[in-house]
Amino acid sequence: MNKTLPALMITAWLVAMAGTAHAATATAIFAGGCFWCVEKDFEKLPGVLEAESGYTAGKTSNPTYEEVSNGHTGHTEAVRVIYDTTKVSY
């Protein structure tokens, strides 16, 4: 009996995870000023699975924040948003 409850809990968790694994997702990139502020706002939206700050469209590999801020890399601050298309439309 003591082993039955953990086994049932694990089974229920696996079934729940299997249902969410098939959700349709999409990725969008947004550039809109301070990327930390934009990232934080996207993370508040229902259906957004992940929001990650970074840089896009530049010529420098692995730039630092200071390099991008100085304007010499060609990069733009951006946020990559991964979202559930059944809950959020583009």
C-alpha atoms as a PDB file:
ATOM      1  CA  MET A   1       0.000   0.000   0.000  1.00  0.00           C
ATOM      2  CA  ASN A   2       2.850   2.436   0.800  1.00  0.00           C
ATOM      3  CA  LYS A   3       4.332   1.941  -2.665  1.00  0.00           C
ATOM      4  CA  THR A   4       0.993   2.405  -4.448  1.00  0.00           C
ATOM      5  CA  LEU A   5       0.522   6.106  -3.692  1.00  0.00           C
ATOM      6  CA  PRO A   6       3.942   7.241  -5.010  1.00  0.00           C
ATOM      7  CA  ALA A   7       3.449   5.115  -8.125  1.00  0.00           C
ATOM      8  CA  LEU A   8       0.030   6.686  -8.720  1.00  0.00           C
ATOM      9  CA  MET A   9       1.443  10.172  -8.185  1.00  0.00           C
ATOM     10  CA  ILE A  10       4.252   9.560 -10.677  1.00  0.00           C
ATOM     11  CA  THR A  11       1.787   8.130 -13.204  1.00  0.00           C
ATOM     12  CA  ALA A  12      -0.520  11.141 -12.815  1.00  0.00           C
ATOM     13  CA  TRP A  13       2.422  13.511 -13.263  1.00  0.00           C
ATOM     14  CA  LEU A  14       3.605  11.691 -16.407  1.00  0.00           C
ATOM     15  CA  VAL A  15       0.110  11.809 -17.912  1.00  0.00           C
ATOM     16  CA  ALA A  16      -0.150  15.535 -17.160  1.00  0.00           C
ATOM     17  CA  MET A  17       3.264  16.214 -18.682  1.00  0.00           C
ATOM     18  CA  ALA A  18       2.430  14.196 -21.789  1.00  0.00           C
ATOM     19  CA  GLY A  19      -0.613  16.385 -22.351  1.00  0.00           C
ATOM     20  CA  THR A  20       1.401  19.584 -22.202  1.00  0.00           C
ATOM     21  CA  ALA A  21       4.229  18.252 -24.348  1.00  0.00           C
ATOM     22  CA  HIS A  22       1.989  18.351 -27.402  1.00  0.00           C
ATOM     23  CA  ALA A  23       1.027  22.011 -27.098  1.00  0.00           C
ATOM     24  CA  ALA A  24       1.727  23.952 -30.285  1.00  0.00           C
ATOM     25  CA  THR A  25       4.462  26.494 -29.707  1.00  0.00           C
ATOM     26  CA  ALA A  26       5.962  29.269 -31.772  1.00  0.00           C
ATOM     27  CA  THR A  27       8.852  31.663 -31.327  1.00  0.00           C
ATOM     28  CA  ALA A  28       8.907  35.409 -31.932  1.00  0.00           C
ATOM     29  CA  ILE A  29      11.711  37.964 -31.574  1.00  0.00           C
ATOM     30  CA  PHE A  30      10.920  41.498 -30.394  1.00  0.00           C
ATOM     31  CA  ALA A  31      13.253  44.490 -30.177  1.00  0.00           C
ATOM     32  CA  GLY A  32      11.806  47.355 -28.183  1.00  0.00           C
ATOM     33  CA  GLY A  33      14.215  49.310 -26.043  1.00  0.00           C
ATOM     34  CA  CYS A  34      15.376  48.006 -22.681  1.00  0.00           C
ATOM     35  CA  PHE A  35      15.185  44.265 -23.177  1.00  0.00           C
ATOM     36  CA  TRP A  36      14.882  43.453 -19.470  1.00  0.00           C
ATOM     37  CA  CYS A  37      11.698  45.544 -19.207  1.00  0.00           C
ATOM     38  CA  VAL A  38      10.243  43.977 -22.358  1.00  0.00           C
ATOM     39  CA  GLU A  39      11.170  40.466 -21.144  1.00  0.00           C
ATOM     40  CA  LYS A  40       9.476  41.056 -17.789  1.00  0.00           C
ATOM     41  CA  ASP A  41       6.237  42.227 -19.448  1.00  0.00           C
ATOM     42  CA  PHE A  42       6.090  39.202 -21.755  1.00  0.00           C
ATOM     43  CA  GLU A  43       6.664  36.821 -18.835  1.00  0.00           C
ATOM     44  CA  LYS A  44       3.435  38.107 -17.245  1.00  0.00           C
ATOM     45  CA  LEU A  45       1.266  37.002 -20.184  1.00  0.00           C
ATOM     46  CA  PRO A  46      -0.709  33.750 -19.920  1.00  0.00           C
ATOM     47  CA  GLY A  47       0.518  31.367 -22.600  1.00  0.00           C
ATOM     48  CA  VAL A  48       4.072  32.719 -22.750  1.00  0.00           C
ATOM     49  CA  LEU A  49       6.314  29.777 -21.922  1.00  0.00           C
ATOM     50  CA  GLU A  50       9.660  31.567 -21.983  1.00  0.00           C
ATOM     51  CA  ALA A  51      11.030  35.055 -22.557  1.00  0.00           C
ATOM     52  CA  GLU A  52      14.786  35.489 -22.900  1.00  0.00           C
ATOM     53  CA  SER A  53      16.815  38.669 -23.379  1.00  0.00           C
ATOM     54  CA  GLY A  54      19.678  38.783 -25.858  1.00  0.00           C
ATOM     55  CA  TYR A  55      21.055  40.497 -28.945  1.00  0.00           C
ATOM     56  CA  THR A  56      20.177  40.200 -32.623  1.00  0.00           C
ATOM     57  CA  ALA A  57      21.370  41.273 -36.082  1.00  0.00           C
ATOM     58  CA  GLY A  58      24.934  42.208 -35.147  1.00  0.00           C
ATOM     59  CA  LYS A  59      28.361  41.428 -36.505  1.00  0.00           C
ATOM     60  CA  THR A  60      30.167  40.709 -33.209  1.00  0.00           C
ATOM     61  CA  SER A  61      30.183  37.169 -31.806  1.00  0.00           C
ATOM     62  CA  ASN A  62      29.100  36.937 -28.155  1.00  0.00           C
ATOM     63  CA  PRO A  63      28.986  40.681 -27.464  1.00  0.00           C
ATOM     64  CA  THR A  64      28.836  42.100 -23.954  1.00  0.00           C
ATOM     65  CA  TYR A  65      26.150  44.506 -22.800  1.00  0.00           C
ATOM     66  CA  GLU A  66      28.715  47.318 -22.771  1.00  0.00           C
ATOM     67  CA  GLU A  67      29.775  46.606 -26.376  1.00  0.00           C
ATOM     68  CA  VAL A  68      26.176  46.646 -27.592  1.00  0.00           C
ATOM     69  CA  SER A  69      25.374  49.787 -25.575  1.00  0.00           C
ATOM     70  CA  ASN A  70      28.319  51.599 -27.178  1.00  0.00           C
ATOM     71  CA  GLY A  71      26.735  50.996 -30.582  1.00  0.00           C
ATOM     72  CA  HIS A  72      29.751  49.464 -32.312  1.00  0.00           C
ATOM     73  CA  THR A  73      28.540  45.859 -32.721  1.00  0.00           C
ATOM     74  CA  GLY A  74      25.529  46.336 -34.975  1.00  0.00           C
ATOM     75  CA  HIS A  75      23.439  44.379 -32.460  1.00  0.00           C
ATOM     76  CA  THR A  76      20.021  45.355 -31.154  1.00  0.00           C
ATOM     77  CA  GLU A  77      18.704  44.400 -27.718  1.00  0.00           C
ATOM     78  CA  ALA A  78      15.900  41.891 -28.252  1.00  0.00           C
ATOM     79  CA  VAL A  79      13.677  39.381 -26.490  1.00  0.00           C
ATOM     80  CA  ARG A  80      12.961  35.877 -27.772  1.00  0.00           C
ATOM     81  CA  VAL A  81       9.464  34.786 -26.754  1.00  0.00           C
ATOM     82  CA  ILE A  82       8.301  31.174 -26.905  1.00  0.00           C
ATOM     83  CA  TYR A  83       4.554  30.915 -26.578  1.00  0.00           C
ATOM     84  CA  ASP A  84       1.659  28.458 -26.714  1.00  0.00           C
ATOM     85  CA  THR A  85      -0.230  29.194 -29.939  1.00  0.00           C
ATOM     86  CA  THR A  86      -3.460  27.874 -28.441  1.00  0.00           C
ATOM     87  CA  LYS A  87      -3.328  30.636 -25.801  1.00  0.00           C
ATOM     88  CA  VAL A  88      -1.538  33.522 -27.536  1.00  0.00           C
ATOM     89  CA  SER A  89      -1.791  34.831 -31.081  1.00  0.00           C
ATOM     90  CA  TYR A  90       1.008  36.720 -32.760  1.00  0.00           C
END
